[in-house]
Amino acid sequence: MVDTVRIYIEATVAVATMATLGVVSGFAAFALTGDRALAFGVAAAAFLVTGIVLTVRQWRLTQTPPPPADPPN
């Protein structure tokens, strides 16, 4: 039960991080260019790239390290 709650909390934090970075980058793009379509595209791209980075990071953390080639004596 506790593990399930922890997973939901971590997912919520990840989505909040993705949304925050997307919104901030979208506002920055709009401030620099004044183009709403470009700002939306930048926000969507930042959201997706952040999601990919967090997914790869989580995947790498869950991988077990390979066994040592030569066991110690």
C-alpha atoms as a PDB file:
ATOM      1  CA  MET A   1       0.000   0.000   0.000  1.00  0.00           C
ATOM      2  CA  VAL A   2       2.762   2.443   0.932  1.00  0.00           C
ATOM      3  CA  ASP A   3       4.671   1.639  -2.262  1.00  0.00           C
ATOM      4  CA  THR A   4       1.586   2.370  -4.355  1.00  0.00           C
ATOM      5  CA  VAL A   5       1.062   5.730  -2.673  1.00  0.00           C
ATOM      6  CA  ARG A   6       4.739   6.566  -3.163  1.00  0.00           C
ATOM      7  CA  ILE A   7       4.490   5.781  -6.877  1.00  0.00           C
ATOM      8  CA  TYR A   8       1.476   8.085  -7.254  1.00  0.00           C
ATOM      9  CA  ILE A   9       3.249  10.876  -5.368  1.00  0.00           C
ATOM     10  CA  GLU A  10       6.367  10.515  -7.528  1.00  0.00           C
ATOM     11  CA  ALA A  11       4.244  10.515 -10.688  1.00  0.00           C
ATOM     12  CA  THR A  12       2.443  13.648  -9.527  1.00  0.00           C
ATOM     13  CA  VAL A  13       5.743  15.396  -8.851  1.00  0.00           C
ATOM     14  CA  ALA A  14       7.065  14.318 -12.263  1.00  0.00           C
ATOM     15  CA  VAL A  15       4.013  15.638 -14.113  1.00  0.00           C
ATOM     16  CA  ALA A  16       4.125  18.872 -12.108  1.00  0.00           C
ATOM     17  CA  THR A  17       7.804  19.284 -13.022  1.00  0.00           C
ATOM     18  CA  MET A  18       7.050  18.597 -16.668  1.00  0.00           C
ATOM     19  CA  ALA A  19       4.175  21.086 -16.694  1.00  0.00           C
ATOM     20  CA  THR A  20       6.191  23.763 -14.911  1.00  0.00           C
ATOM     21  CA  LEU A  21       9.083  23.514 -17.334  1.00  0.00           C
ATOM     22  CA  GLY A  22       6.673  23.483 -20.267  1.00  0.00           C
ATOM     23  CA  VAL A  23       4.805  26.575 -19.086  1.00  0.00           C
ATOM     24  CA  VAL A  24       7.964  28.507 -18.245  1.00  0.00           C
ATOM     25  CA  SER A  25       9.545  27.718 -21.606  1.00  0.00           C
ATOM     26  CA  GLY A  26       6.286  28.564 -23.395  1.00  0.00           C
ATOM     27  CA  PHE A  27       6.087  31.951 -21.686  1.00  0.00           C
ATOM     28  CA  ALA A  28       9.742  32.610 -22.467  1.00  0.00           C
ATOM     29  CA  ALA A  29       9.231  31.715 -26.123  1.00  0.00           C
ATOM     30  CA  PHE A  30       6.159  33.958 -26.298  1.00  0.00           C
ATOM     31  CA  ALA A  31       8.017  36.821 -24.647  1.00  0.00           C
ATOM     32  CA  LEU A  32      10.892  36.497 -27.108  1.00  0.00           C
ATOM     33  CA  THR A  33       8.907  35.974 -30.302  1.00  0.00           C
ATOM     34  CA  GLY A  34       5.313  37.074 -29.677  1.00  0.00           C
ATOM     35  CA  ASP A  35       4.087  34.073 -31.667  1.00  0.00           C
ATOM     36  CA  ARG A  36       1.472  32.018 -29.794  1.00  0.00           C
ATOM     37  CA  ALA A  37       1.740  28.969 -32.043  1.00  0.00           C
ATOM     38  CA  LEU A  38       5.500  28.828 -31.582  1.00  0.00           C
ATOM     39  CA  ALA A  39       5.131  29.289 -27.820  1.00  0.00           C
ATOM     40  CA  PHE A  40       2.676  26.402 -27.647  1.00  0.00           C
ATOM     41  CA  GLY A  41       5.012  24.207 -29.688  1.00  0.00           C
ATOM     42  CA  VAL A  42       7.950  25.068 -27.435  1.00  0.00           C
ATOM     43  CA  ALA A  43       5.869  24.333 -24.330  1.00  0.00           C
ATOM     44  CA  ALA A  44       4.746  20.990 -25.734  1.00  0.00           C
ATOM     45  CA  ALA A  45       8.287  20.078 -26.753  1.00  0.00           C
ATOM     46  CA  ALA A  46       9.647  20.995 -23.319  1.00  0.00           C
ATOM     47  CA  PHE A  47       6.909  18.922 -21.676  1.00  0.00           C
ATOM     48  CA  LEU A  48       7.722  15.901 -23.846  1.00  0.00           C
ATOM     49  CA  VAL A  49      11.504  16.208 -23.536  1.00  0.00           C
ATOM     50  CA  THR A  50      11.238  16.504 -19.755  1.00  0.00           C
ATOM     51  CA  GLY A  51       9.040  13.410 -19.689  1.00  0.00           C
ATOM     52  CA  ILE A  52      11.539  11.491 -21.791  1.00  0.00           C
ATOM     53  CA  VAL A  53      14.446  12.545 -19.583  1.00  0.00           C
ATOM     54  CA  LEU A  54      12.600  11.586 -16.401  1.00  0.00           C
ATOM     55  CA  THR A  55      11.521   8.253 -17.896  1.00  0.00           C
ATOM     56  CA  VAL A  56      15.063   7.374 -18.977  1.00  0.00           C
ATOM     57  CA  ARG A  57      16.395   8.443 -15.585  1.00  0.00           C
ATOM     58  CA  GLN A  58      13.874   6.229 -13.788  1.00  0.00           C
ATOM     59  CA  TRP A  59      14.613   3.335 -16.126  1.00  0.00           C
ATOM     60  CA  ARG A  60      18.357   3.633 -15.478  1.00  0.00           C
ATOM     61  CA  LEU A  61      17.818   3.723 -11.720  1.00  0.00           C
ATOM     62  CA  THR A  62      15.838   0.498 -11.810  1.00  0.00           C
ATOM     63  CA  GLN A  63      18.430  -1.455 -13.801  1.00  0.00           C
ATOM     64  CA  THR A  64      20.459  -3.908 -11.754  1.00  0.00           C
ATOM     65  CA  PRO A  65      24.207  -3.553 -12.074  1.00  0.00           C
ATOM     66  CA  PRO A  66      25.989  -6.334 -13.930  1.00  0.00           C
ATOM     67  CA  PRO A  67      27.718  -8.966 -11.799  1.00  0.00           C
ATOM     68  CA  PRO A  68      31.466  -8.575 -11.386  1.00  0.00           C
ATOM     69  CA  ALA A  69      33.518 -10.279 -14.089  1.00  0.00           C
ATOM     70  CA  ASP A  70      35.959 -11.792 -11.593  1.00  0.00           C
ATOM     71  CA  PRO A  71      34.534 -12.583  -8.150  1.00  0.00           C
ATOM     72  CA  PRO A  72      36.789 -11.489  -5.278  1.00  0.00           C
ATOM     73  CA  ASN A  73      38.673 -14.171  -3.332  1.00  0.00           C
END
